[in-house]
Amino acid sequence: MAHKDKDLEKIYQDIFADAVEYMRGYEVQAVAATYMAIAMRLYKTHLDEEEYKSMIQTVMDTEVKPYGEPKLH
């Protein structure tokens, strides 16, 4: 795994752990919506308009699998 891949995996695991912790006190949709709002604003701040639109399209076109058990709620 490349250095950047290790960094990405670490930040993913750290933030996911935070999300699971937030879900102990808040509804899953509220946690997800908050992370989505933060992500969108970060992308909007960092990318130019065409890059932002391309990223949004990629998100819309990408299938994701739900997390398995235990249910996250």
Protein backbone atom coordinates (compact mmCIF):
# COMPACT_ATOMS: atom_id res chain seq x y z
CA MET A 1 0.00 0.00 0.00
CA ALA A 2 1.43 3.38 -0.95
CA HIS A 3 2.06 6.00 1.72
CA LYS A 4 -0.94 8.08 0.61
CA ASP A 5 -3.13 4.95 0.60
CA LYS A 6 -2.14 4.27 4.21
CA ASP A 7 -2.93 7.87 5.13
CA LEU A 8 -6.31 7.64 3.40
CA GLU A 9 -7.13 4.37 5.16
CA LYS A 10 -6.17 5.84 8.53
CA ILE A 11 -8.25 8.99 8.14
CA TYR A 12 -11.17 6.89 6.85
CA GLN A 13 -11.02 4.61 9.89
CA ASP A 14 -10.64 7.55 12.30
CA ILE A 15 -13.57 9.48 10.84
CA PHE A 16 -15.72 6.35 10.58
CA ALA A 17 -15.09 5.66 14.27
CA ASP A 18 -16.19 9.22 15.04
CA ALA A 19 -19.34 8.72 12.94
CA VAL A 20 -20.20 5.51 14.81
CA GLU A 21 -19.74 7.37 18.09
CA TYR A 22 -22.04 10.20 16.91
CA MET A 23 -24.68 7.62 15.95
CA ARG A 24 -24.94 6.63 19.61
CA GLY A 25 -26.56 10.00 20.32
CA TYR A 26 -28.01 11.10 16.97
CA GLU A 27 -30.03 9.54 14.14
CA VAL A 28 -27.99 7.94 11.38
CA GLN A 29 -29.49 10.30 8.76
CA ALA A 30 -28.49 13.34 10.81
CA VAL A 31 -24.90 12.11 11.08
CA ALA A 32 -24.73 11.20 7.38
CA ALA A 33 -26.26 14.53 6.32
CA THR A 34 -23.76 16.42 8.45
CA TYR A 35 -20.79 14.58 6.97
CA MET A 36 -22.22 15.06 3.47
CA ALA A 37 -22.67 18.80 4.04
CA ILE A 38 -19.10 19.13 5.30
CA ALA A 39 -17.76 17.09 2.37
CA MET A 40 -19.66 19.13 -0.20
CA ARG A 41 -18.41 22.39 1.27
CA LEU A 42 -14.81 21.14 1.36
CA TYR A 43 -15.06 20.06 -2.30
CA LYS A 44 -16.67 23.37 -3.27
CA THR A 45 -13.85 25.24 -1.52
CA HIS A 46 -11.04 23.19 -3.03
CA LEU A 47 -12.22 22.42 -6.58
CA ASP A 48 -12.99 24.71 -9.48
CA GLU A 49 -16.54 24.63 -10.87
CA GLU A 50 -15.90 21.97 -13.54
CA GLU A 51 -14.00 19.72 -11.12
CA TYR A 52 -16.81 20.10 -8.60
CA LYS A 53 -19.48 19.17 -11.16
CA SER A 54 -17.39 16.19 -12.26
CA MET A 55 -17.01 15.01 -8.67
CA ILE A 56 -20.77 15.31 -8.09
CA GLN A 57 -21.42 13.27 -11.25
CA THR A 58 -18.96 10.62 -10.11
CA VAL A 59 -20.74 10.36 -6.76
CA MET A 60 -24.11 10.02 -8.50
CA ASP A 61 -22.78 7.33 -10.86
CA THR A 62 -20.97 5.25 -8.23
CA GLU A 63 -22.76 2.33 -6.62
CA VAL A 64 -21.92 1.68 -2.98
CA LYS A 65 -22.65 -1.28 -0.77
CA PRO A 66 -24.31 -0.74 2.61
CA TYR A 67 -22.39 -1.60 5.75
CA GLY A 68 -23.08 -5.10 7.04
CA GLU A 69 -24.12 -6.08 10.52
CA PRO A 70 -24.26 -4.77 13.08
CA LYS A 71 -26.79 -2.24 11.88
CA LEU A 72 -25.56 1.29 12.35
CA HIS A 73 -28.38 2.88 14.32
